[in-house]
Amino acid sequence: MSNSLKALDKKIAKRRQVYKPLLDSPFIRESNYWPRIKDQKIVTHLLQNSILNKCKHFESSSIPRSEWPWDILFDFNEIISFLSSTDSHDKDDSAILFVCNKDQDIPAILLQQIPILCYLSQRKVSLIQLPRGSLQMFQEAITDRAIDNGLLLLRGNSKLDSSFVRQIEYSIEEDTNPLTIPWLESLKYKPSDIKLVKSSMPLQQNKVKKIKTPHRK
């Protein structure tokens, strides 16, 4: 036993302490961009009872989506188009976006851009990450294959119950709402800071004399 300890001491003595540089890049911390939820069970319960159960009833009754009592999107391209739109008439239109980002059936690369698009959107977007297994909850309520992407967006217009919106927004931690992505701060539009400088100028400006150019023969 003593011989093994001496051998270990010799091995440690032959090594020296060094410091290796680590690159701390803000571009690889996507997990920090998802707002934390105080109680995911409450959020899931609200979504299930207030929205998904009704969606299931509407689909079983063959009610077209255009006649549903809220404006809802779950197609990936439609949601991306909504978040990226620069239409000045819809800038005040807020939204709640539910994402099944913890389900393994959804490719992570598909959802990596969602927090960034929400951050850069001209609309106010409340981003809600759902617990693992929520994709099945989506699929049981909505039969459209587009729901397999794990995205469900509710437009926050007058059709959406205001009490539902308040309860959902309260469930997001205050320290991560609004969503912040530091390395994108410089990309957001900022109005120009224009100032006036007091100066003076002559009351009558001298007329600029015209320079006569010689005519070519």
Protein backbone atom coordinates (compact mmCIF):
# COMPACT_ATOMS: atom_id res chain seq x y z
CA MET A 1 0.00 0.00 0.00
CA SER A 2 2.84 2.37 0.91
CA ASN A 3 4.60 1.63 -2.37
CA SER A 4 1.47 2.51 -4.37
CA LEU A 5 1.11 5.82 -2.50
CA LYS A 6 4.75 6.69 -3.18
CA ALA A 7 4.28 5.90 -6.87
CA LEU A 8 1.20 8.15 -6.94
CA ASP A 9 3.13 10.98 -5.23
CA LYS A 10 5.90 10.70 -7.82
CA LYS A 11 3.37 10.81 -10.67
CA ILE A 12 1.74 13.93 -9.20
CA ALA A 13 5.15 15.55 -8.65
CA LYS A 14 5.97 15.15 -12.34
CA ARG A 15 2.93 17.20 -13.37
CA ARG A 16 2.78 20.97 -13.20
CA GLN A 17 -0.17 23.29 -12.94
CA VAL A 18 -1.14 25.04 -16.17
CA TYR A 19 -4.02 27.27 -17.30
CA LYS A 20 -5.79 26.46 -20.55
CA PRO A 21 -7.81 29.19 -22.32
CA LEU A 22 -11.54 28.62 -22.74
CA LEU A 23 -13.54 30.48 -25.36
CA ASP A 24 -16.70 31.84 -23.81
CA SER A 25 -18.93 32.44 -26.81
CA PRO A 26 -22.46 33.89 -26.50
CA PHE A 27 -23.40 32.12 -29.74
CA ILE A 28 -23.42 28.63 -28.18
CA ARG A 29 -25.65 29.28 -25.17
CA GLU A 30 -29.02 28.74 -26.85
CA SER A 31 -30.48 27.12 -23.73
CA ASN A 32 -30.23 30.45 -21.87
CA TYR A 33 -32.49 32.15 -24.42
CA TRP A 34 -35.62 30.24 -23.37
CA PRO A 35 -37.50 32.08 -20.59
CA ARG A 36 -37.79 30.13 -17.35
CA ILE A 37 -41.26 29.17 -16.19
CA LYS A 38 -42.34 29.44 -12.55
CA ASP A 39 -44.78 26.54 -12.70
CA GLN A 40 -44.97 24.57 -15.94
CA LYS A 41 -47.83 22.47 -14.58
CA ILE A 42 -50.05 25.56 -14.35
CA VAL A 43 -49.12 26.66 -17.87
CA THR A 44 -49.78 23.19 -19.25
CA HIS A 45 -53.12 23.02 -17.40
CA LEU A 46 -54.19 26.42 -18.77
CA LEU A 47 -53.19 25.52 -22.31
CA GLN A 48 -54.91 22.13 -22.12
CA ASN A 49 -58.22 23.35 -20.68
CA SER A 50 -58.51 26.76 -22.35
CA ILE A 51 -57.18 25.97 -25.83
CA LEU A 52 -56.33 22.37 -26.71
CA ASN A 53 -59.52 20.73 -25.42
CA LYS A 54 -61.55 23.19 -27.49
CA CYS A 55 -59.35 22.56 -30.54
CA LYS A 56 -60.08 18.85 -30.20
CA HIS A 57 -63.82 19.55 -30.00
CA PHE A 58 -63.73 21.85 -33.05
CA GLU A 59 -61.87 19.27 -35.12
CA SER A 60 -64.23 16.45 -34.13
CA SER A 61 -67.12 18.73 -35.13
CA SER A 62 -65.42 19.55 -38.48
CA ILE A 63 -65.39 23.26 -37.71
CA PRO A 64 -62.91 25.01 -40.04
CA ARG A 65 -60.00 26.79 -38.40
CA SER A 66 -61.18 30.16 -39.80
CA GLU A 67 -64.24 29.88 -37.51
CA TRP A 68 -62.33 29.07 -34.32
CA PRO A 69 -62.72 31.69 -31.54
CA TRP A 70 -59.02 32.70 -31.71
CA ASP A 71 -56.36 33.23 -34.36
CA ILE A 72 -54.08 30.23 -34.01
CA LEU A 73 -51.02 29.18 -36.03
CA PHE A 74 -49.13 25.89 -35.86
CA ASP A 75 -47.58 25.62 -39.31
CA PHE A 76 -43.82 26.29 -39.10
CA ASN A 77 -43.67 28.56 -42.17
CA GLU A 78 -46.73 30.55 -41.10
CA ILE A 79 -45.24 31.18 -37.66
CA ILE A 80 -41.87 32.23 -39.09
CA SER A 81 -43.66 34.58 -41.50
CA PHE A 82 -45.69 36.08 -38.64
CA LEU A 83 -42.61 36.69 -36.48
CA SER A 84 -40.61 38.15 -39.38
CA SER A 85 -43.36 40.38 -40.78
CA THR A 86 -42.66 44.11 -40.92
CA ASP A 87 -46.23 45.14 -41.77
CA SER A 88 -46.79 48.46 -39.98
CA HIS A 89 -50.51 47.68 -39.52
CA ASP A 90 -49.77 44.64 -37.35
CA LYS A 91 -46.96 45.97 -35.14
CA ASP A 92 -49.28 46.21 -32.12
CA ASP A 93 -50.39 42.60 -32.56
CA SER A 94 -48.86 40.56 -29.72
CA ALA A 95 -48.62 36.78 -29.56
CA ILE A 96 -48.02 33.83 -27.24
CA LEU A 97 -45.82 31.11 -28.72
CA PHE A 98 -45.81 27.67 -27.08
CA VAL A 99 -42.86 25.45 -28.01
CA CYS A 100 -42.19 21.77 -27.27
CA ASN A 101 -38.43 22.31 -27.24
CA LYS A 102 -37.77 19.48 -24.78
CA ASP A 103 -39.34 16.69 -26.82
CA GLN A 104 -36.77 14.45 -28.49
CA ASP A 105 -38.97 13.83 -31.54
CA ILE A 106 -38.37 17.41 -32.70
CA PRO A 107 -34.93 18.21 -34.21
CA ALA A 108 -33.19 20.77 -31.99
CA ILE A 109 -31.85 22.62 -35.04
CA LEU A 110 -35.45 23.31 -36.11
CA LEU A 111 -36.16 25.31 -32.95
CA GLN A 112 -32.79 27.02 -32.41
CA GLN A 113 -33.84 30.11 -34.33
CA ILE A 114 -37.17 30.57 -32.52
CA PRO A 115 -35.87 32.63 -29.53
CA ILE A 116 -33.86 34.84 -31.89
CA LEU A 117 -36.86 35.45 -34.16
CA CYS A 118 -39.03 36.28 -31.14
CA TYR A 119 -36.40 38.71 -29.90
CA LEU A 120 -36.05 40.49 -33.25
CA SER A 121 -39.77 40.50 -34.01
CA GLN A 122 -41.49 43.88 -34.14
CA ARG A 123 -44.33 42.34 -32.16
CA LYS A 124 -44.42 41.55 -28.46
CA VAL A 125 -44.00 37.78 -28.30
CA SER A 126 -44.30 35.79 -25.07
CA LEU A 127 -42.17 32.68 -25.58
CA ILE A 128 -43.31 29.66 -23.53
CA GLN A 129 -41.28 26.45 -23.36
CA LEU A 130 -43.34 23.41 -22.43
CA PRO A 131 -42.26 20.33 -20.43
CA ARG A 132 -41.23 17.09 -22.08
CA GLY A 133 -44.16 15.12 -23.45
CA SER A 134 -46.17 18.18 -24.50
CA LEU A 135 -45.91 17.26 -28.19
CA GLN A 136 -48.24 14.31 -27.63
CA MET A 137 -50.70 16.72 -26.00
CA PHE A 138 -50.58 18.84 -29.18
CA GLN A 139 -51.04 15.83 -31.47
CA GLU A 140 -54.03 14.53 -29.52
CA ALA A 141 -55.82 17.87 -29.89
CA ILE A 142 -54.87 18.83 -33.46
CA THR A 143 -54.75 16.29 -36.28
CA ASP A 144 -52.93 18.50 -38.79
CA ARG A 145 -49.43 17.10 -39.44
CA ALA A 146 -48.00 20.63 -39.14
CA ILE A 147 -48.39 20.37 -35.35
CA ASP A 148 -45.59 17.76 -35.36
CA ASN A 149 -43.11 20.66 -35.35
CA GLY A 150 -44.12 21.37 -31.74
CA LEU A 151 -45.14 25.01 -32.26
CA LEU A 152 -48.43 26.68 -31.41
CA LEU A 153 -48.92 30.43 -31.69
CA LEU A 154 -51.91 32.37 -30.38
CA ARG A 155 -52.35 35.91 -31.63
CA GLY A 156 -53.02 38.26 -28.74
CA ASN A 157 -55.87 40.20 -30.30
CA SER A 158 -59.36 40.84 -28.91
CA LYS A 159 -60.40 37.24 -29.63
CA LEU A 160 -58.08 35.86 -26.93
CA ASP A 161 -59.30 35.85 -23.33
CA SER A 162 -57.39 38.56 -21.43
CA SER A 163 -57.39 36.57 -18.16
CA PHE A 164 -55.73 33.65 -19.95
CA VAL A 165 -53.03 35.99 -21.26
CA ARG A 166 -52.39 37.47 -17.80
CA GLN A 167 -52.03 34.06 -16.17
CA ILE A 168 -49.65 32.85 -18.87
CA GLU A 169 -47.45 35.95 -18.71
CA TYR A 170 -47.33 35.79 -14.91
CA SER A 171 -45.88 32.29 -15.18
CA ILE A 172 -42.76 33.62 -16.91
CA GLU A 173 -39.89 34.64 -14.63
CA GLU A 174 -39.53 38.41 -14.48
CA ASP A 175 -35.75 38.29 -14.82
CA THR A 176 -36.02 36.72 -18.28
CA ASN A 177 -39.00 38.65 -19.57
CA PRO A 178 -38.57 40.39 -21.92
CA LEU A 179 -36.30 38.03 -23.78
CA THR A 180 -32.72 39.33 -24.00
CA ILE A 181 -29.96 38.18 -26.34
CA PRO A 182 -26.97 40.48 -25.69
CA TRP A 183 -25.05 39.80 -28.90
CA LEU A 184 -28.08 40.88 -30.97
CA GLU A 185 -28.55 44.24 -29.24
CA SER A 186 -26.72 46.12 -31.98
CA LEU A 187 -28.97 44.64 -34.69
CA LYS A 188 -32.17 46.13 -33.34
CA TYR A 189 -33.39 49.32 -34.95
CA LYS A 190 -32.64 52.44 -32.95
CA PRO A 191 -33.85 55.89 -34.04
CA SER A 192 -31.17 58.42 -34.88
CA ASP A 193 -30.31 60.87 -32.12
CA ILE A 194 -30.64 64.18 -33.99
CA LYS A 195 -29.78 67.44 -32.22
CA LEU A 196 -29.75 71.11 -33.25
CA VAL A 197 -26.71 73.35 -32.92
CA LYS A 198 -27.27 77.09 -32.53
CA SER A 199 -25.41 79.02 -35.25
CA SER A 200 -25.79 82.09 -37.50
CA MET A 201 -25.66 82.97 -41.18
CA PRO A 202 -25.71 86.20 -43.20
CA LEU A 203 -29.11 87.69 -43.99
CA GLN A 204 -28.28 87.93 -47.71
CA GLN A 205 -26.09 85.38 -49.32
CA ASN A 206 -23.67 86.53 -51.99
CA LYS A 207 -24.76 85.42 -55.40
CA VAL A 208 -22.48 82.88 -56.90
CA LYS A 209 -20.95 84.29 -60.07
CA LYS A 210 -21.33 82.16 -63.11
CA ILE A 211 -18.08 81.17 -64.71
CA LYS A 212 -18.11 81.78 -68.44
CA THR A 213 -16.67 78.99 -70.48
CA PRO A 214 -15.01 79.90 -73.79
CA HIS A 215 -16.86 78.79 -76.90
CA ARG A 216 -15.05 76.36 -79.07
CA LYS A 217 -14.55 77.40 -82.65
